[in-house]
Amino acid sequence: MKRKIIEIDEEKCTGCGLCIPDCPEGALQIIEGKARLVSDLFCDGLGACIGTCPEGAICVVEREAGPYSEEAVMEKIVPQGEAVIRAHLEHLLGHNEGALYHRAIDYLNANEIPVPPHETPAAPAACPGSMARTLPGGEAAETEQAARVESALRQWPVQLTLANPAAAYFDDADLLVSGDCVPFAYPEFHRDFLQGRILLIFCPKLDADVPGYVTKLADIFSRHTVRSITVLHMEVPCCSGVRYIVDEALKRAGKEIPVAEKTITLQGQAVEGSLVRRRGPGGGHRREM
């Protein structure tokens, strides 16, 4: 069957092992100094391991692979104890994999294994489209209109997939490269970040052609004089791939362009640098702030 599954670039992998704790399913092991996918059976293809790889050696691809088995994963996880079971259940819920979550719970119940306490999403609210509401009018509407933030968008399209590397608006541009969830999480996106910049957005986890993004950005950097790059990504690990793609494109283009990086938290705050561990001097690892 054809499905999404992780792929490891052995040339980039240093065998640091940072990806291992983020795969409670046990699909990854360090073998002969490299991270290896030990079985298609255990990989759910959700990519929780991507953002913790400091070398950008892991990506999600779509290929022929054996079917994922939640029951086989649970057989492997249960002997590792309550903490690993909890991490796996929260991992499934965090990726909206309700069907797999219920299969995991069924396995625990069928084998008389206690379900450990774990975070579960709140019950869904009533559909907003069917909710009775009284809309503000009069002075409230005027106040809201006065406070409206104008769009700072300067070009179209904004999706990197659709961008033309030869477009004139890249000349002498201050470039904003953003994960596509950022504008929804950060309320002042236009005012604080987009003003005066040319925008490119994408998702390093869900978009299919990440290597193509490196190539396209490198082409943009090679064709134009880009004055600066601002990188925005969410605090979730997989989104840190935005910075990795920019760095790889700069290397390929042979350009040195100033890069500023900010992480947007799930609470809508902007934090300088990255919250994700990267390889530091001497081979150690650090969190960039």
C-alpha atoms as a PDB file:
ATOM      1  CA  MET A   1       0.000   0.000   0.000  1.00  0.00           C
ATOM      2  CA  LYS A   2       1.097   3.602  -0.599  1.00  0.00           C
ATOM      3  CA  ARG A   3       1.156   5.792   2.499  1.00  0.00           C
ATOM      4  CA  LYS A   4       3.130   8.512   4.293  1.00  0.00           C
ATOM      5  CA  ILE A   5       6.192   7.275   6.153  1.00  0.00           C
ATOM      6  CA  ILE A   6       9.460   8.799   7.315  1.00  0.00           C
ATOM      7  CA  GLU A   7      12.661   8.678   5.290  1.00  0.00           C
ATOM      8  CA  ILE A   8      16.180   9.171   6.692  1.00  0.00           C
ATOM      9  CA  ASP A   9      19.027  10.682   4.683  1.00  0.00           C
ATOM     10  CA  GLU A  10      21.975   8.561   5.845  1.00  0.00           C
ATOM     11  CA  GLU A  11      24.533  11.052   4.545  1.00  0.00           C
ATOM     12  CA  LYS A  12      23.124  13.798   6.784  1.00  0.00           C
ATOM     13  CA  CYS A  13      22.418  11.596   9.816  1.00  0.00           C
ATOM     14  CA  THR A  14      25.142  11.816  12.470  1.00  0.00           C
ATOM     15  CA  GLY A  15      23.655   9.192  14.781  1.00  0.00           C
ATOM     16  CA  CYS A  16      23.091  11.725  17.586  1.00  0.00           C
ATOM     17  CA  GLY A  17      19.916   9.897  18.667  1.00  0.00           C
ATOM     18  CA  LEU A  18      17.794  12.988  19.386  1.00  0.00           C
ATOM     19  CA  CYS A  19      14.997  11.565  17.247  1.00  0.00           C
ATOM     20  CA  ILE A  20      14.675   8.391  19.310  1.00  0.00           C
ATOM     21  CA  PRO A  21      12.765   9.787  22.345  1.00  0.00           C
ATOM     22  CA  ASP A  22      10.227  11.455  20.029  1.00  0.00           C
ATOM     23  CA  CYS A  23       9.221   8.114  18.533  1.00  0.00           C
ATOM     24  CA  PRO A  24       7.443   6.250  21.347  1.00  0.00           C
ATOM     25  CA  GLU A  25       6.274   3.723  18.763  1.00  0.00           C
ATOM     26  CA  GLY A  26       9.852   2.400  18.578  1.00  0.00           C
ATOM     27  CA  ALA A  27      10.155   2.745  14.803  1.00  0.00           C
ATOM     28  CA  LEU A  28      13.654   4.259  15.074  1.00  0.00           C
ATOM     29  CA  GLN A  29      16.890   2.782  16.372  1.00  0.00           C
ATOM     30  CA  ILE A  30      20.548   3.751  16.153  1.00  0.00           C
ATOM     31  CA  ILE A  31      22.239   0.982  14.183  1.00  0.00           C
ATOM     32  CA  GLU A  32      25.874   1.169  13.105  1.00  0.00           C
ATOM     33  CA  GLY A  33      26.008   4.855  13.993  1.00  0.00           C
ATOM     34  CA  LYS A  34      22.926   5.900  12.005  1.00  0.00           C
ATOM     35  CA  ALA A  35      19.230   6.344  12.798  1.00  0.00           C
ATOM     36  CA  ARG A  36      17.302   3.603  11.014  1.00  0.00           C
ATOM     37  CA  LEU A  37      13.622   2.915  10.425  1.00  0.00           C
ATOM     38  CA  VAL A  38      13.491  -0.608  11.803  1.00  0.00           C
ATOM     39  CA  SER A  39      10.021  -1.488  10.499  1.00  0.00           C
ATOM     40  CA  ASP A  40       7.283   0.097   8.393  1.00  0.00           C
ATOM     41  CA  LEU A  41       4.918  -1.635  10.803  1.00  0.00           C
ATOM     42  CA  PHE A  42       5.787   0.782  13.627  1.00  0.00           C
ATOM     43  CA  CYS A  43       5.985   4.104  11.728  1.00  0.00           C
ATOM     44  CA  ASP A  44       2.710   6.060  11.707  1.00  0.00           C
ATOM     45  CA  GLY A  45       4.102   8.673   9.305  1.00  0.00           C
ATOM     46  CA  LEU A  46       3.083  11.609  11.519  1.00  0.00           C
ATOM     47  CA  GLY A  47       6.650  12.923  11.666  1.00  0.00           C
ATOM     48  CA  ALA A  48       7.065  13.801  15.356  1.00  0.00           C
ATOM     49  CA  CYS A  49      10.785  13.054  14.958  1.00  0.00           C
ATOM     50  CA  ILE A  50      11.402  15.611  12.182  1.00  0.00           C
ATOM     51  CA  GLY A  51      11.932  18.783  14.201  1.00  0.00           C
ATOM     52  CA  THR A  52      14.307  17.263  16.737  1.00  0.00           C
ATOM     53  CA  CYS A  53      16.807  16.218  14.056  1.00  0.00           C
ATOM     54  CA  PRO A  54      19.497  18.952  14.133  1.00  0.00           C
ATOM     55  CA  GLU A  55      20.764  17.965  10.679  1.00  0.00           C
ATOM     56  CA  GLY A  56      17.417  17.918   8.861  1.00  0.00           C
ATOM     57  CA  ALA A  57      17.994  14.281   7.938  1.00  0.00           C
ATOM     58  CA  ILE A  58      14.384  13.140   8.413  1.00  0.00           C
ATOM     59  CA  CYS A  59      11.408  13.919   6.197  1.00  0.00           C
ATOM     60  CA  VAL A  60       7.991  12.418   5.478  1.00  0.00           C
ATOM     61  CA  VAL A  61       7.532  10.871   2.040  1.00  0.00           C
ATOM     62  CA  GLU A  62       4.756   8.933   0.362  1.00  0.00           C
ATOM     63  CA  ARG A  63       5.818   5.493  -0.835  1.00  0.00           C
ATOM     64  CA  GLU A  64       4.876   1.851  -0.899  1.00  0.00           C
ATOM     65  CA  ALA A  65       5.084   0.636   2.698  1.00  0.00           C
ATOM     66  CA  GLY A  66       3.692  -2.066   4.878  1.00  0.00           C
ATOM     67  CA  PRO A  67       0.561  -1.049   6.822  1.00  0.00           C
ATOM     68  CA  TYR A  68       0.979   0.568  10.220  1.00  0.00           C
ATOM     69  CA  SER A  69      -0.240  -1.685  13.044  1.00  0.00           C
ATOM     70  CA  GLU A  70      -1.445  -0.033  16.237  1.00  0.00           C
ATOM     71  CA  GLU A  71      -1.703  -3.424  17.950  1.00  0.00           C
ATOM     72  CA  ALA A  72       1.915  -4.295  17.117  1.00  0.00           C
ATOM     73  CA  VAL A  73       3.021  -0.893  18.393  1.00  0.00           C
ATOM     74  CA  MET A  74       1.143  -1.381  21.661  1.00  0.00           C
ATOM     75  CA  GLU A  75       2.760  -4.797  22.146  1.00  0.00           C
ATOM     76  CA  LYS A  76       6.129  -3.060  21.888  1.00  0.00           C
ATOM     77  CA  ILE A  77       5.217  -0.024  23.991  1.00  0.00           C
ATOM     78  CA  VAL A  78       3.502  -1.655  26.983  1.00  0.00           C
ATOM     79  CA  PRO A  79       6.643  -3.331  28.426  1.00  0.00           C
ATOM     80  CA  GLN A  80       8.364   0.089  28.447  1.00  0.00           C
ATOM     81  CA  GLY A  81       6.040   1.377  31.133  1.00  0.00           C
ATOM     82  CA  GLU A  82       3.383   3.957  31.869  1.00  0.00           C
ATOM     83  CA  ALA A  83       5.314   7.032  30.718  1.00  0.00           C
ATOM     84  CA  VAL A  84       5.852   5.637  27.222  1.00  0.00           C
ATOM     85  CA  ILE A  85       2.207   4.536  26.946  1.00  0.00           C
ATOM     86  CA  ARG A  86       1.109   8.026  27.998  1.00  0.00           C
ATOM     87  CA  ALA A  87       3.442   9.667  25.450  1.00  0.00           C
ATOM     88  CA  HIS A  88       2.053   7.477  22.685  1.00  0.00           C
ATOM     89  CA  LEU A  89      -1.587   8.187  23.541  1.00  0.00           C
ATOM     90  CA  GLU A  90      -0.953  11.944  23.685  1.00  0.00           C
ATOM     91  CA  HIS A  91       1.000  11.703  20.426  1.00  0.00           C
ATOM     92  CA  LEU A  92      -2.028  10.176  18.678  1.00  0.00           C
ATOM     93  CA  LEU A  93      -4.435  12.725  20.140  1.00  0.00           C
ATOM     94  CA  GLY A  94      -2.108  15.600  19.264  1.00  0.00           C
ATOM     95  CA  HIS A  95      -2.262  14.555  15.598  1.00  0.00           C
ATOM     96  CA  ASN A  96      -6.045  14.026  15.615  1.00  0.00           C
ATOM     97  CA  GLU A  97      -5.645  10.278  15.100  1.00  0.00           C
ATOM     98  CA  GLY A  98      -8.801   9.381  16.992  1.00  0.00           C
ATOM     99  CA  ALA A  99      -9.262   5.984  15.356  1.00  0.00           C
ATOM    100  CA  LEU A 100      -5.739   4.844  16.272  1.00  0.00           C
ATOM    101  CA  TYR A 101      -6.165   6.265  19.782  1.00  0.00           C
ATOM    102  CA  HIS A 102      -9.306   4.193  20.359  1.00  0.00           C
ATOM    103  CA  ARG A 103      -7.565   1.077  19.040  1.00  0.00           C
ATOM    104  CA  ALA A 104      -4.760   1.688  21.542  1.00  0.00           C
ATOM    105  CA  ILE A 105      -7.267   2.095  24.381  1.00  0.00           C
ATOM    106  CA  ASP A 106      -9.087  -1.071  23.259  1.00  0.00           C
ATOM    107  CA  TYR A 107      -5.784  -2.955  23.346  1.00  0.00           C
ATOM    108  CA  LEU A 108      -5.072  -1.800  26.901  1.00  0.00           C
ATOM    109  CA  ASN A 109      -8.567  -2.697  28.080  1.00  0.00           C
ATOM    110  CA  ALA A 110      -8.538  -6.084  26.352  1.00  0.00           C
ATOM    111  CA  ASN A 111      -5.244  -6.939  28.063  1.00  0.00           C
ATOM    112  CA  GLU A 112      -6.370  -5.524  31.425  1.00  0.00           C
ATOM    113  CA  ILE A 113      -3.639  -2.892  31.393  1.00  0.00           C
ATOM    114  CA  PRO A 114      -4.514   0.351  33.232  1.00  0.00           C
ATOM    115  CA  VAL A 115      -4.900   3.376  30.969  1.00  0.00           C
ATOM    116  CA  PRO A 116      -2.471   5.973  32.360  1.00  0.00           C
ATOM    117  CA  PRO A 117      -3.686   9.519  33.039  1.00  0.00           C
ATOM    118  CA  HIS A 118      -3.037  11.633  29.957  1.00  0.00           C
ATOM    119  CA  GLU A 119      -4.091  14.900  28.392  1.00  0.00           C
ATOM    120  CA  THR A 120      -7.192  14.649  26.244  1.00  0.00           C
ATOM    121  CA  PRO A 121      -8.756  17.376  24.091  1.00  0.00           C
ATOM    122  CA  ALA A 122     -11.804  19.150  25.416  1.00  0.00           C
ATOM    123  CA  ALA A 123     -15.211  18.040  24.212  1.00  0.00           C
ATOM    124  CA  PRO A 124     -16.081  19.660  20.891  1.00  0.00           C
ATOM    125  CA  ALA A 125     -18.195  22.800  21.114  1.00  0.00           C
ATOM    126  CA  ALA A 126     -21.400  23.363  19.193  1.00  0.00           C
ATOM    127  CA  CYS A 127     -20.940  24.261  15.538  1.00  0.00           C
ATOM    128  CA  PRO A 128     -20.355  28.055  15.351  1.00  0.00           C
ATOM    129  CA  GLY A 129     -22.378  28.221  12.148  1.00  0.00           C
ATOM    130  CA  SER A 130     -25.560  27.093  13.921  1.00  0.00           C
ATOM    131  CA  MET A 131     -25.104  29.123  17.113  1.00  0.00           C
ATOM    132  CA  ALA A 132     -27.603  31.930  17.755  1.00  0.00           C
ATOM    133  CA  ARG A 133     -25.748  35.247  18.058  1.00  0.00           C
ATOM    134  CA  THR A 134     -26.489  38.944  18.378  1.00  0.00           C
ATOM    135  CA  LEU A 135     -24.060  40.914  16.227  1.00  0.00           C
ATOM    136  CA  PRO A 136     -22.698  44.251  17.482  1.00  0.00           C
ATOM    137  CA  GLY A 137     -23.873  47.384  15.712  1.00  0.00           C
ATOM    138  CA  GLY A 138     -23.831  51.145  16.041  1.00  0.00           C
ATOM    139  CA  GLU A 139     -20.965  52.504  18.154  1.00  0.00           C
ATOM    140  CA  ALA A 140     -19.419  49.058  18.681  1.00  0.00           C
ATOM    141  CA  ALA A 141     -19.161  48.506  14.927  1.00  0.00           C
ATOM    142  CA  GLU A 142     -17.607  51.965  14.434  1.00  0.00           C
ATOM    143  CA  THR A 143     -15.048  51.328  17.174  1.00  0.00           C
ATOM    144  CA  GLU A 144     -14.151  47.990  15.661  1.00  0.00           C
ATOM    145  CA  GLN A 145     -13.759  49.552  12.213  1.00  0.00           C
ATOM    146  CA  ALA A 146     -11.485  52.284  13.572  1.00  0.00           C
ATOM    147  CA  ALA A 147      -9.213  49.702  15.149  1.00  0.00           C
ATOM    148  CA  ARG A 148      -9.002  47.558  12.017  1.00  0.00           C
ATOM    149  CA  VAL A 149      -5.490  46.613  10.921  1.00  0.00           C
ATOM    150  CA  GLU A 150      -4.873  47.114   7.224  1.00  0.00           C
ATOM    151  CA  SER A 151      -3.274  44.375   5.149  1.00  0.00           C
ATOM    152  CA  ALA A 152       0.485  44.738   4.654  1.00  0.00           C
ATOM    153  CA  LEU A 153       0.616  42.149   1.862  1.00  0.00           C
ATOM    154  CA  ARG A 154       2.713  43.448  -1.046  1.00  0.00           C
ATOM    155  CA  GLN A 155       2.668  40.586  -3.569  1.00  0.00           C
ATOM    156  CA  TRP A 156       0.843  37.505  -4.801  1.00  0.00           C
ATOM    157  CA  PRO A 157       1.098  34.497  -4.692  1.00  0.00           C
ATOM    158  CA  VAL A 158       2.492  33.825  -1.230  1.00  0.00           C
ATOM    159  CA  GLN A 159       2.701  30.010  -1.340  1.00  0.00           C
ATOM    160  CA  LEU A 160       6.284  28.962  -2.136  1.00  0.00           C
ATOM    161  CA  THR A 161       4.914  26.258  -4.434  1.00  0.00           C
ATOM    162  CA  LEU A 162       3.357  28.934  -6.667  1.00  0.00           C
ATOM    163  CA  ALA A 163       6.087  31.571  -6.447  1.00  0.00           C
ATOM    164  CA  ASN A 164       7.994  32.510  -9.616  1.00  0.00           C
ATOM    165  CA  PRO A 165      11.730  32.785  -8.803  1.00  0.00           C
ATOM    166  CA  ALA A 166      12.108  35.380 -11.568  1.00  0.00           C
ATOM    167  CA  ALA A 167       9.460  37.740 -10.120  1.00  0.00           C
ATOM    168  CA  ALA A 168      10.686  41.339  -9.952  1.00  0.00           C
ATOM    169  CA  TYR A 169       9.364  41.868  -6.415  1.00  0.00           C
ATOM    170  CA  PHE A 170      12.279  39.779  -5.065  1.00  0.00           C
ATOM    171  CA  ASP A 171      14.764  42.480  -6.168  1.00  0.00           C
ATOM    172  CA  ASP A 172      16.236  44.237  -3.102  1.00  0.00           C
ATOM    173  CA  ALA A 173      13.584  42.536  -0.971  1.00  0.00           C
ATOM    174  CA  ASP A 174      13.408  41.973   2.739  1.00  0.00           C
ATOM    175  CA  LEU A 175      12.055  38.417   2.680  1.00  0.00           C
ATOM    176  CA  LEU A 176       9.679  36.890   5.228  1.00  0.00           C
ATOM    177  CA  VAL A 177       9.693  33.070   5.140  1.00  0.00           C
ATOM    178  CA  SER A 178       6.985  31.640   7.383  1.00  0.00           C
ATOM    179  CA  GLY A 179       5.329  28.411   8.384  1.00  0.00           C
ATOM    180  CA  ASP A 180       1.776  28.630   7.086  1.00  0.00           C
ATOM    181  CA  CYS A 181       0.210  28.298  10.554  1.00  0.00           C
ATOM    182  CA  VAL A 182       1.998  31.363  11.939  1.00  0.00           C
ATOM    183  CA  PRO A 183      -0.447  34.059  10.713  1.00  0.00           C
ATOM    184  CA  PHE A 184      -3.289  32.245  12.491  1.00  0.00           C
ATOM    185  CA  ALA A 185      -1.413  31.931  15.772  1.00  0.00           C
ATOM    186  CA  TYR A 186       0.125  35.424  15.903  1.00  0.00           C
ATOM    187  CA  PRO A 187      -2.606  38.108  15.873  1.00  0.00           C
ATOM    188  CA  GLU A 188      -0.370  41.038  14.884  1.00  0.00           C
ATOM    189  CA  PHE A 189       1.309  39.227  11.976  1.00  0.00           C
ATOM    190  CA  HIS A 190       0.720  42.035   9.449  1.00  0.00           C
ATOM    191  CA  ARG A 191       1.786  44.860  11.747  1.00  0.00           C
ATOM    192  CA  ASP A 192       4.815  43.235  13.399  1.00  0.00           C
ATOM    193  CA  PHE A 193       6.273  41.073  10.631  1.00  0.00           C
ATOM    194  CA  LEU A 194       4.741  41.518   7.165  1.00  0.00           C
ATOM    195  CA  GLN A 195       5.062  45.298   6.895  1.00  0.00           C
ATOM    196  CA  GLY A 196       7.623  46.102   4.195  1.00  0.00           C
ATOM    197  CA  ARG A 197       8.478  42.469   3.455  1.00  0.00           C
ATOM    198  CA  ILE A 198       7.882  39.968   0.661  1.00  0.00           C
ATOM    199  CA  LEU A 199       6.144  36.864   2.014  1.00  0.00           C
ATOM    200  CA  LEU A 200       6.652  33.154   1.262  1.00  0.00           C
ATOM    201  CA  ILE A 201       4.801  30.484   3.256  1.00  0.00           C
ATOM    202  CA  PHE A 202       4.799  26.683   3.329  1.00  0.00           C
ATOM    203  CA  CYS A 203       4.541  23.701   5.686  1.00  0.00           C
ATOM    204  CA  PRO A 204       7.781  21.707   6.097  1.00  0.00           C
ATOM    205  CA  LYS A 205       5.860  18.686   7.364  1.00  0.00           C
ATOM    206  CA  LEU A 206       2.795  18.346   5.157  1.00  0.00           C
ATOM    207  CA  ASP A 207       3.976  19.782   1.851  1.00  0.00           C
ATOM    208  CA  ALA A 208       5.240  17.084  -0.490  1.00  0.00           C
ATOM    209  CA  ASP A 209       8.201  18.732  -2.247  1.00  0.00           C
ATOM    210  CA  VAL A 210      10.547  19.944   0.500  1.00  0.00           C
ATOM    211  CA  PRO A 211      13.694  19.323  -1.635  1.00  0.00           C
ATOM    212  CA  GLY A 212      11.988  21.354  -4.368  1.00  0.00           C
ATOM    213  CA  TYR A 213      11.529  24.203  -1.886  1.00  0.00           C
ATOM    214  CA  VAL A 214      15.270  24.247  -1.213  1.00  0.00           C
ATOM    215  CA  THR A 215      15.901  24.413  -4.946  1.00  0.00           C
ATOM    216  CA  LYS A 216      13.344  27.192  -5.519  1.00  0.00           C
ATOM    217  CA  LEU A 217      14.605  29.350  -2.647  1.00  0.00           C
ATOM    218  CA  ALA A 218      18.192  28.863  -3.829  1.00  0.00           C
ATOM    219  CA  ASP A 219      17.079  30.041  -7.277  1.00  0.00           C
ATOM    220  CA  ILE A 220      15.483  33.148  -5.742  1.00  0.00           C
ATOM    221  CA  PHE A 221      18.641  33.905  -3.756  1.00  0.00           C
ATOM    222  CA  SER A 222      20.818  33.421  -6.846  1.00  0.00           C
ATOM    223  CA  ARG A 223      18.714  35.602  -9.166  1.00  0.00           C
ATOM    224  CA  HIS A 224      18.108  38.536  -6.823  1.00  0.00           C
ATOM    225  CA  THR A 225      19.785  40.713  -4.233  1.00  0.00           C
ATOM    226  CA  VAL A 226      17.820  39.825  -1.117  1.00  0.00           C
ATOM    227  CA  ARG A 227      18.681  42.240   1.698  1.00  0.00           C
ATOM    228  CA  SER A 228      17.461  40.228   4.672  1.00  0.00           C
ATOM    229  CA  ILE A 229      15.494  37.129   5.629  1.00  0.00           C
ATOM    230  CA  THR A 230      13.127  36.810   8.576  1.00  0.00           C
ATOM    231  CA  VAL A 231      12.135  33.238   9.455  1.00  0.00           C
ATOM    232  CA  LEU A 232       8.962  32.573  11.444  1.00  0.00           C
ATOM    233  CA  HIS A 233       7.860  29.145  12.609  1.00  0.00           C
ATOM    234  CA  MET A 234       5.643  27.619  15.254  1.00  0.00           C
ATOM    235  CA  GLU A 235       7.107  26.131  18.432  1.00  0.00           C
ATOM    236  CA  VAL A 236       6.077  22.602  17.403  1.00  0.00           C
ATOM    237  CA  PRO A 237       9.228  20.660  16.421  1.00  0.00           C
ATOM    238  CA  CYS A 238       8.300  19.814  12.829  1.00  0.00           C
ATOM    239  CA  CYS A 239       7.823  23.520  11.967  1.00  0.00           C
ATOM    240  CA  SER A 240      11.479  24.282  12.731  1.00  0.00           C
ATOM    241  CA  GLY A 241      12.141  22.753   9.315  1.00  0.00           C
ATOM    242  CA  VAL A 242      11.373  26.226   7.892  1.00  0.00           C
ATOM    243  CA  ARG A 243      14.774  27.453   9.108  1.00  0.00           C
ATOM    244  CA  TYR A 244      16.495  24.304   7.859  1.00  0.00           C
ATOM    245  CA  ILE A 245      15.129  24.816   4.334  1.00  0.00           C
ATOM    246  CA  VAL A 246      16.278  28.457   4.300  1.00  0.00           C
ATOM    247  CA  ASP A 247      19.772  27.487   5.499  1.00  0.00           C
ATOM    248  CA  GLU A 248      20.083  24.738   2.900  1.00  0.00           C
ATOM    249  CA  ALA A 249      18.978  27.114   0.137  1.00  0.00           C
ATOM    250  CA  LEU A 250      21.558  29.700   1.195  1.00  0.00           C
ATOM    251  CA  LYS A 251      24.283  27.049   1.089  1.00  0.00           C
ATOM    252  CA  ARG A 252      23.208  25.897  -2.354  1.00  0.00           C
ATOM    253  CA  ALA A 253      23.100  29.468  -3.679  1.00  0.00           C
ATOM    254  CA  GLY A 254      26.438  30.304  -2.067  1.00  0.00           C
ATOM    255  CA  LYS A 255      24.934  33.450  -0.537  1.00  0.00           C
ATOM    256  CA  GLU A 256      25.370  35.087   2.852  1.00  0.00           C
ATOM    257  CA  ILE A 257      22.195  36.961   3.740  1.00  0.00           C
ATOM    258  CA  PRO A 258      21.355  38.111   7.301  1.00  0.00           C
ATOM    259  CA  VAL A 259      18.752  35.790   8.846  1.00  0.00           C
ATOM    260  CA  ALA A 260      16.597  36.643  11.867  1.00  0.00           C
ATOM    261  CA  GLU A 261      14.527  33.867  13.425  1.00  0.00           C
ATOM    262  CA  LYS A 262      11.519  33.976  15.706  1.00  0.00           C
ATOM    263  CA  THR A 263       9.437  31.176  17.196  1.00  0.00           C
ATOM    264  CA  ILE A 264       5.703  31.696  17.646  1.00  0.00           C
ATOM    265  CA  THR A 265       4.322  29.895  20.678  1.00  0.00           C
ATOM    266  CA  LEU A 266       0.916  28.229  20.746  1.00  0.00           C
ATOM    267  CA  GLN A 267      -0.183  31.096  23.021  1.00  0.00           C
ATOM    268  CA  GLY A 268       0.593  33.609  20.264  1.00  0.00           C
ATOM    269  CA  GLN A 269       3.841  35.028  21.658  1.00  0.00           C
ATOM    270  CA  ALA A 270       6.971  35.728  19.568  1.00  0.00           C
ATOM    271  CA  VAL A 271      10.240  34.373  21.013  1.00  0.00           C
ATOM    272  CA  GLU A 272      13.676  35.233  19.648  1.00  0.00           C
ATOM    273  CA  GLY A 273      15.476  32.361  17.935  1.00  0.00           C
ATOM    274  CA  SER A 274      14.444  28.716  18.064  1.00  0.00           C
ATOM    275  CA  LEU A 275      13.159  26.567  20.916  1.00  0.00           C
ATOM    276  CA  VAL A 276      14.301  23.422  19.087  1.00  0.00           C
ATOM    277  CA  ARG A 277      17.643  21.806  19.864  1.00  0.00           C
ATOM    278  CA  ARG A 278      20.328  22.299  17.261  1.00  0.00           C
ATOM    279  CA  ARG A 279      23.894  21.097  16.976  1.00  0.00           C
ATOM    280  CA  GLY A 280      26.267  23.502  18.686  1.00  0.00           C
ATOM    281  CA  PRO A 281      30.051  24.002  18.639  1.00  0.00           C
ATOM    282  CA  GLY A 282      32.041  20.868  19.328  1.00  0.00           C
ATOM    283  CA  GLY A 283      29.170  18.526  18.466  1.00  0.00           C
ATOM    284  CA  GLY A 284      27.065  19.311  21.554  1.00  0.00           C
ATOM    285  CA  HIS A 285      23.444  20.354  21.399  1.00  0.00           C
ATOM    286  CA  ARG A 286      21.783  23.505  22.594  1.00  0.00           C
ATOM    287  CA  ARG A 287      18.516  25.363  22.398  1.00  0.00           C
ATOM    288  CA  GLU A 288      18.792  28.553  20.349  1.00  0.00           C
ATOM    289  CA  MET A 289      17.138  31.584  21.902  1.00  0.00           C
END
